[in-house]
Amino acid sequence: MLEKFLDSGEAPKLRVMFVDEAQDLSLIQWRLVKKIEEKSQDSYISGDDDQAIYKWNGAHVNTFINLEGERTVLDQSQRVPQKPFALANRLIKRVTNRVEKEWLPKEDEGSVQRCNTLHDVNFKKGKWLVLAQANYMLPEIGNILDEKNLYWQRRNSTPAIKNLYTIIQKWNELRTGIPLPYSDCKKIFNKMSKNWDKKLFKSMIKDGFYDIDTLKEKYGLQTEAEWYEALDELGDQHITKIKKLIDSGEDLTKNPRIKISTIHGVKGNERENVVVTTDISGAAFDEYQKNSDDMNRLFYVACTRTERNLYIIEPQTRKAYNL
């Protein structure tokens, strides 16, 4: 579609053209920008070459770096505290091909803490991002968080625990006398293997509301037990985990305090506490040995996600970024 527009399309006449995140544009996208710019009286192109981490996806940061025109640098961070800033600044100065710029951290001192393993981080309070260089590393991070009985999610996904807890809440509402719609009753039914007569359940009207007495008298419900006994299809593993999370004070009605993600997947996000793991994939390590610019930018982005505390996990393998 872009190629068709570039070959035969007519750019609109504009008073002003705005382009954001320009460091992430590919060459064909830059051609599109240039074509539109020809019909614009003014243009404003914003971005940060220090955050150019999508070269693998076709981004061409050199075009952005070499743009002509007046430059304005936003020189005050509203997010990054002083100590994480100092570390991030050292990393980005390793990049050989960049626009030199000066910017200041916010007044909060913040902290940078180094931990031998992820097990050493105290996640009990606050909101967290846990970052890794590659997708294949995330399941192991999730396993460690599970071992620590923590409530977490992968970026942009709803954790299974939250969906299950919603069903538990509906069961608790039913037990206290609150009528439920058929749709909620069905979710509860699906988590019972032996406490609800299947034939009688099928006789329920789909647009009806049902209280627990009616369900027991007419539609085959055979229990009023606590959720961990009644909802036997949850499975022992999920039941144990949910009970531990509740006992630890986690609010399972809300999104988890802890998110895990690749660094590429979290650009633009921020959290009070950020954990950065330093191991990198074999292919990334080989490229890092040849030219470190891309990896320096990547870990600069990781370190500047924090609003207060930055935790650096020491390498667990021989292939790691020197942070």
Protein backbone atom coordinates (compact mmCIF):
# COMPACT_ATOMS: atom_id res chain seq x y z
CA MET A 1 0.00 0.00 0.00
CA LEU A 2 2.84 2.41 0.83
CA GLU A 3 4.59 1.59 -2.43
CA LYS A 4 1.40 2.24 -4.41
CA PHE A 5 0.99 5.63 -2.74
CA LEU A 6 4.65 6.49 -3.31
CA ASP A 7 4.40 5.56 -6.98
CA SER A 8 1.06 7.16 -7.90
CA GLY A 9 -0.59 8.72 -4.85
CA GLU A 10 -1.12 12.44 -4.34
CA ALA A 11 0.03 13.88 -1.02
CA PRO A 12 -2.40 16.31 0.65
CA LYS A 13 -1.53 19.96 1.06
CA LEU A 14 -0.91 20.56 4.75
CA ARG A 15 -0.20 23.57 6.91
CA VAL A 16 1.90 21.47 9.31
CA MET A 17 3.10 17.86 9.28
CA PHE A 18 3.90 16.15 12.60
CA VAL A 19 5.94 12.91 12.83
CA ASP A 20 6.59 11.20 16.17
CA GLU A 21 8.95 8.34 17.14
CA ALA A 22 10.87 9.06 13.95
CA GLN A 23 13.87 7.00 15.04
CA ASP A 24 11.75 3.89 14.40
CA LEU A 25 10.83 4.63 10.77
CA SER A 26 11.97 2.32 7.98
CA LEU A 27 13.36 3.59 4.69
CA ILE A 28 10.04 3.21 2.90
CA GLN A 29 8.33 5.12 5.71
CA TRP A 30 10.92 7.88 5.35
CA ARG A 31 10.08 8.09 1.64
CA LEU A 32 6.45 8.55 2.66
CA VAL A 33 7.42 11.33 5.09
CA LYS A 34 9.46 13.12 2.41
CA LYS A 35 6.59 12.95 -0.08
CA ILE A 36 4.10 14.41 2.38
CA GLU A 37 6.61 16.99 3.55
CA GLU A 38 6.91 18.36 0.01
CA LYS A 39 3.27 19.52 0.23
CA SER A 40 3.51 20.83 3.81
CA GLN A 41 4.38 24.41 4.74
CA ASP A 42 6.07 23.31 7.98
CA SER A 43 7.12 20.00 9.47
CA TYR A 44 7.98 18.87 13.00
CA ILE A 45 9.77 15.54 13.30
CA SER A 46 10.41 14.25 16.80
CA GLY A 47 12.27 11.26 18.13
CA ASP A 48 15.27 10.08 20.10
CA ASP A 49 18.07 8.28 18.32
CA ASP A 50 19.24 6.95 21.69
CA GLN A 51 16.03 4.89 21.78
CA ALA A 52 16.39 3.46 18.27
CA ILE A 53 15.99 -0.23 19.14
CA TYR A 54 14.06 -1.54 16.14
CA LYS A 55 16.83 -1.92 13.57
CA TRP A 56 15.92 -5.63 13.38
CA ASN A 57 12.45 -4.53 12.19
CA GLY A 58 13.77 -2.26 9.43
CA ALA A 59 14.14 1.01 11.35
CA HIS A 60 16.76 3.30 9.78
CA VAL A 61 18.03 5.60 12.50
CA ASN A 62 20.74 7.16 10.32
CA THR A 63 18.10 8.95 8.26
CA PHE A 64 16.80 10.53 11.45
CA ILE A 65 20.28 11.39 12.72
CA ASN A 66 21.18 13.09 9.42
CA LEU A 67 18.02 15.21 9.10
CA GLU A 68 18.60 18.87 8.31
CA GLY A 69 16.80 21.68 10.09
CA GLU A 70 16.58 23.33 13.49
CA ARG A 71 16.98 21.00 16.48
CA THR A 72 15.40 21.33 19.90
CA VAL A 73 16.41 19.01 22.75
CA LEU A 74 14.01 18.31 25.63
CA ASP A 75 16.61 18.49 28.36
CA GLN A 76 14.61 17.64 31.51
CA SER A 77 13.35 14.15 32.37
CA GLN A 78 10.11 13.87 34.31
CA ARG A 79 10.68 10.15 34.98
CA VAL A 80 14.26 9.07 35.54
CA PRO A 81 15.89 9.68 38.97
CA GLN A 82 19.52 10.64 39.44
CA LYS A 83 21.24 7.32 40.13
CA PRO A 84 19.54 5.34 37.33
CA PHE A 85 20.18 8.34 35.06
CA ALA A 86 23.91 8.24 35.81
CA LEU A 87 24.09 4.57 34.84
CA ALA A 88 21.96 5.02 31.72
CA ASN A 89 24.05 8.00 30.65
CA ARG A 90 27.24 5.94 30.86
CA LEU A 91 25.65 3.27 28.67
CA ILE A 92 24.45 5.61 25.94
CA LYS A 93 27.84 7.33 25.70
CA ARG A 94 29.20 3.99 24.50
CA VAL A 95 27.20 4.42 21.26
CA THR A 96 29.48 5.60 18.47
CA ASN A 97 26.80 6.80 16.02
CA ARG A 98 24.47 9.18 17.82
CA VAL A 99 23.50 12.82 18.24
CA GLU A 100 25.29 14.19 21.29
CA LYS A 101 22.80 15.69 23.72
CA GLU A 102 22.58 16.71 27.36
CA TRP A 103 19.55 16.12 29.57
CA LEU A 104 18.90 16.20 33.28
CA PRO A 105 17.26 13.69 35.65
CA LYS A 106 14.46 14.59 38.03
CA GLU A 107 15.36 15.63 41.58
CA ASP A 108 14.62 12.25 43.20
CA GLU A 109 17.85 10.37 43.87
CA GLY A 110 16.44 6.90 43.19
CA SER A 111 18.60 3.81 43.54
CA VAL A 112 20.57 1.25 41.54
CA GLN A 113 20.90 -2.14 43.19
CA ARG A 114 22.76 -5.19 41.91
CA CYS A 115 21.46 -8.66 42.73
CA ASN A 116 23.06 -12.02 42.08
CA THR A 117 19.79 -13.61 40.94
CA LEU A 118 16.13 -12.72 40.52
CA HIS A 119 15.46 -14.66 43.73
CA ASP A 120 17.26 -11.90 45.66
CA VAL A 121 14.79 -9.16 44.68
CA ASN A 122 12.10 -8.27 47.24
CA PHE A 123 8.92 -7.81 45.19
CA LYS A 124 6.53 -7.55 48.13
CA LYS A 125 5.52 -3.90 47.61
CA GLY A 126 5.09 -1.50 44.71
CA LYS A 127 4.70 -1.87 40.96
CA TRP A 128 7.34 -3.61 38.87
CA LEU A 129 8.65 -4.26 35.39
CA VAL A 130 10.94 -7.24 34.90
CA LEU A 131 12.78 -7.00 31.58
CA ALA A 132 14.70 -9.47 29.45
CA GLN A 133 16.40 -9.21 26.07
CA ALA A 134 14.60 -12.14 24.42
CA ASN A 135 11.14 -13.72 24.54
CA TYR A 136 12.41 -17.21 25.33
CA MET A 137 13.75 -15.91 28.67
CA LEU A 138 10.33 -14.86 29.99
CA PRO A 139 8.95 -18.30 30.98
CA GLU A 140 11.88 -18.87 33.36
CA ILE A 141 11.29 -15.44 34.90
CA GLY A 142 7.64 -16.40 35.35
CA ASN A 143 8.65 -19.65 37.04
CA ILE A 144 10.81 -17.77 39.55
CA LEU A 145 7.99 -15.34 40.32
CA ASP A 146 5.65 -18.32 40.81
CA GLU A 147 8.13 -19.86 43.25
CA LYS A 148 8.02 -16.60 45.20
CA ASN A 149 4.16 -16.72 45.23
CA LEU A 150 3.86 -13.46 43.32
CA TYR A 151 1.01 -12.16 41.17
CA TRP A 152 2.36 -11.25 37.72
CA GLN A 153 1.48 -11.01 34.06
CA ARG A 154 3.16 -10.84 30.71
CA ARG A 155 2.77 -7.48 29.02
CA ASN A 156 -0.65 -6.97 27.36
CA SER A 157 -2.00 -10.34 28.48
CA THR A 158 -4.52 -11.19 31.20
CA PRO A 159 -3.14 -13.75 33.67
CA ALA A 160 -5.14 -16.96 34.01
CA ILE A 161 -5.28 -16.42 37.77
CA LYS A 162 -7.26 -13.21 37.34
CA ASN A 163 -9.87 -14.91 35.12
CA LEU A 164 -10.19 -17.77 37.59
CA TYR A 165 -10.53 -15.38 40.51
CA THR A 166 -13.40 -13.64 38.72
CA ILE A 167 -15.26 -16.98 38.72
CA ILE A 168 -14.45 -17.44 42.42
CA GLN A 169 -15.92 -14.00 43.14
CA LYS A 170 -19.11 -14.91 41.27
CA TRP A 171 -19.41 -18.13 43.27
CA ASN A 172 -18.99 -16.17 46.50
CA GLU A 173 -21.69 -13.72 45.38
CA LEU A 174 -24.02 -16.61 44.61
CA ARG A 175 -23.42 -18.12 48.05
CA THR A 176 -24.40 -14.83 49.72
CA GLY A 177 -27.75 -14.76 47.90
CA ILE A 178 -26.99 -12.55 44.92
CA PRO A 179 -28.72 -13.80 41.73
CA LEU A 180 -26.44 -14.33 38.74
CA PRO A 181 -27.12 -14.27 34.99
CA TYR A 182 -26.92 -17.52 33.04
CA SER A 183 -23.53 -16.52 31.59
CA ASP A 184 -21.94 -16.37 35.06
CA CYS A 185 -23.67 -19.57 36.14
CA LYS A 186 -22.19 -21.31 33.11
CA LYS A 187 -18.67 -20.17 34.03
CA ILE A 188 -19.17 -21.62 37.50
CA PHE A 189 -20.65 -24.83 36.08
CA ASN A 190 -17.58 -25.26 33.84
CA LYS A 191 -15.38 -25.33 36.95
CA MET A 192 -17.40 -28.08 38.63
CA SER A 193 -16.95 -31.70 37.61
CA LYS A 194 -19.09 -33.39 40.26
CA ASN A 195 -21.13 -30.73 42.05
CA TRP A 196 -23.66 -29.88 39.33
CA ASP A 197 -26.00 -32.22 37.42
CA LYS A 198 -25.27 -31.68 33.72
CA LYS A 199 -28.72 -32.63 32.43
CA LEU A 200 -30.54 -30.26 34.77
CA PHE A 201 -28.09 -27.47 34.01
CA LYS A 202 -28.98 -27.70 30.32
CA SER A 203 -32.61 -26.90 31.14
CA MET A 204 -31.69 -23.39 32.32
CA ILE A 205 -32.96 -20.42 30.30
CA LYS A 206 -30.07 -18.44 28.83
CA ASP A 207 -31.52 -14.99 29.50
CA GLY A 208 -32.52 -15.77 33.09
CA PHE A 209 -31.14 -14.81 36.51
CA TYR A 210 -30.72 -17.46 39.21
CA ASP A 211 -30.14 -17.48 42.96
CA ILE A 212 -28.49 -20.39 44.74
CA ASP A 213 -31.73 -21.82 46.17
CA THR A 214 -33.33 -21.99 42.72
CA LEU A 215 -30.24 -23.57 41.24
CA LYS A 216 -30.28 -26.27 43.94
CA GLU A 217 -34.02 -26.93 43.78
CA LYS A 218 -34.51 -26.98 39.99
CA TYR A 219 -31.22 -27.05 38.09
CA GLY A 220 -28.98 -29.60 39.73
CA LEU A 221 -26.53 -27.59 41.84
CA GLN A 222 -25.41 -29.86 44.67
CA THR A 223 -23.16 -27.76 46.91
CA GLU A 224 -22.77 -24.48 48.79
CA ALA A 225 -19.20 -25.23 49.85
CA GLU A 226 -16.28 -22.81 49.89
CA TRP A 227 -14.83 -22.08 46.43
CA TYR A 228 -11.76 -24.29 46.88
CA GLU A 229 -14.03 -27.30 47.53
CA ALA A 230 -16.89 -26.50 45.14
CA LEU A 231 -14.86 -25.44 42.10
CA ASP A 232 -12.91 -28.66 41.84
CA GLU A 233 -12.08 -28.17 38.14
CA LEU A 234 -9.78 -25.28 39.08
CA GLY A 235 -7.19 -27.93 39.85
CA ASP A 236 -5.02 -28.33 42.94
CA GLN A 237 -2.17 -26.23 41.54
CA HIS A 238 -4.34 -23.19 40.83
CA ILE A 239 -6.26 -23.56 44.09
CA THR A 240 -3.01 -23.63 46.09
CA LYS A 241 -1.57 -20.66 44.21
CA ILE A 242 -4.71 -18.52 44.58
CA LYS A 243 -4.94 -19.25 48.31
CA LYS A 244 -1.28 -18.29 48.78
CA LEU A 245 -1.73 -15.06 46.79
CA ILE A 246 -4.80 -14.12 48.84
CA ASP A 247 -2.98 -14.91 52.10
CA SER A 248 -0.02 -12.74 51.00
CA GLY A 249 -2.33 -9.74 50.55
CA GLU A 250 -2.40 -9.58 46.75
CA ASP A 251 -5.53 -7.96 45.28
CA LEU A 252 -6.56 -10.39 42.56
CA THR A 253 -9.40 -8.13 41.42
CA LYS A 254 -6.81 -5.75 39.94
CA ASN A 255 -4.16 -6.16 37.29
CA PRO A 256 -0.93 -7.61 38.71
CA ARG A 257 1.64 -5.31 40.28
CA ILE A 258 4.37 -7.11 38.35
CA LYS A 259 4.72 -7.21 34.57
CA ILE A 260 7.35 -9.12 32.64
CA SER A 261 8.36 -8.23 29.11
CA THR A 262 11.14 -8.06 26.59
CA ILE A 263 12.85 -4.68 26.50
CA HIS A 264 11.59 -4.16 22.95
CA GLY A 265 8.03 -4.79 24.10
CA VAL A 266 8.04 -2.26 26.92
CA LYS A 267 9.32 0.89 25.20
CA GLY A 268 7.15 3.80 26.30
CA ASN A 269 6.24 2.12 29.60
CA GLU A 270 7.45 3.05 33.06
CA ARG A 271 7.21 1.69 36.59
CA GLU A 272 8.33 2.60 40.09
CA ASN A 273 10.65 -0.43 40.15
CA VAL A 274 12.43 -1.92 37.15
CA VAL A 275 14.43 -5.15 37.10
CA VAL A 276 16.84 -5.65 34.19
CA THR A 277 18.27 -9.10 33.47
CA THR A 278 21.57 -8.95 31.61
CA ASP A 279 21.75 -12.28 29.76
CA ILE A 280 21.30 -12.06 25.99
CA SER A 281 20.65 -14.62 23.27
CA GLY A 282 23.46 -16.27 21.33
CA ALA A 283 22.68 -14.40 18.12
CA ALA A 284 22.46 -11.09 19.97
CA PHE A 285 25.74 -11.78 21.74
CA ASP A 286 27.51 -12.46 18.44
CA GLU A 287 26.23 -9.17 17.02
CA TYR A 288 27.15 -7.40 20.26
CA GLN A 289 30.74 -8.54 19.84
CA LYS A 290 30.86 -7.06 16.32
CA ASN A 291 29.07 -3.75 17.00
CA SER A 292 27.74 -2.85 20.43
CA ASP A 293 25.66 0.21 19.43
CA ASP A 294 22.32 -1.61 19.17
CA MET A 295 22.76 -3.41 22.48
CA ASN A 296 23.89 -0.24 24.23
CA ARG A 297 20.75 1.51 23.05
CA LEU A 298 18.58 -1.44 24.12
CA PHE A 299 19.85 -1.50 27.70
CA TYR A 300 19.74 2.29 27.87
CA VAL A 301 16.01 2.03 27.12
CA ALA A 302 15.65 -0.66 29.79
CA CYS A 303 17.37 1.41 32.48
CA THR A 304 15.34 4.54 31.71
CA ARG A 305 11.98 2.81 32.33
CA THR A 306 12.31 3.31 36.08
CA GLU A 307 10.64 6.04 38.10
CA ARG A 308 12.58 5.24 41.27
CA ASN A 309 14.50 1.99 41.73
CA LEU A 310 16.59 0.04 39.24
CA TYR A 311 17.65 -3.55 39.93
CA ILE A 312 20.40 -5.14 37.83
CA ILE A 313 20.54 -8.95 37.79
CA GLU A 314 24.07 -10.26 37.37
CA PRO A 315 24.70 -12.54 34.36
CA GLN A 316 23.58 -16.14 34.76
CA THR A 317 25.41 -17.27 31.60
CA ARG A 318 28.60 -16.34 29.76
CA LYS A 319 26.61 -14.50 27.08
CA ALA A 320 25.52 -11.27 28.71
CA TYR A 321 25.56 -7.51 28.31
CA ASN A 322 28.23 -5.65 30.26
CA LEU A 323 26.08 -3.52 32.53
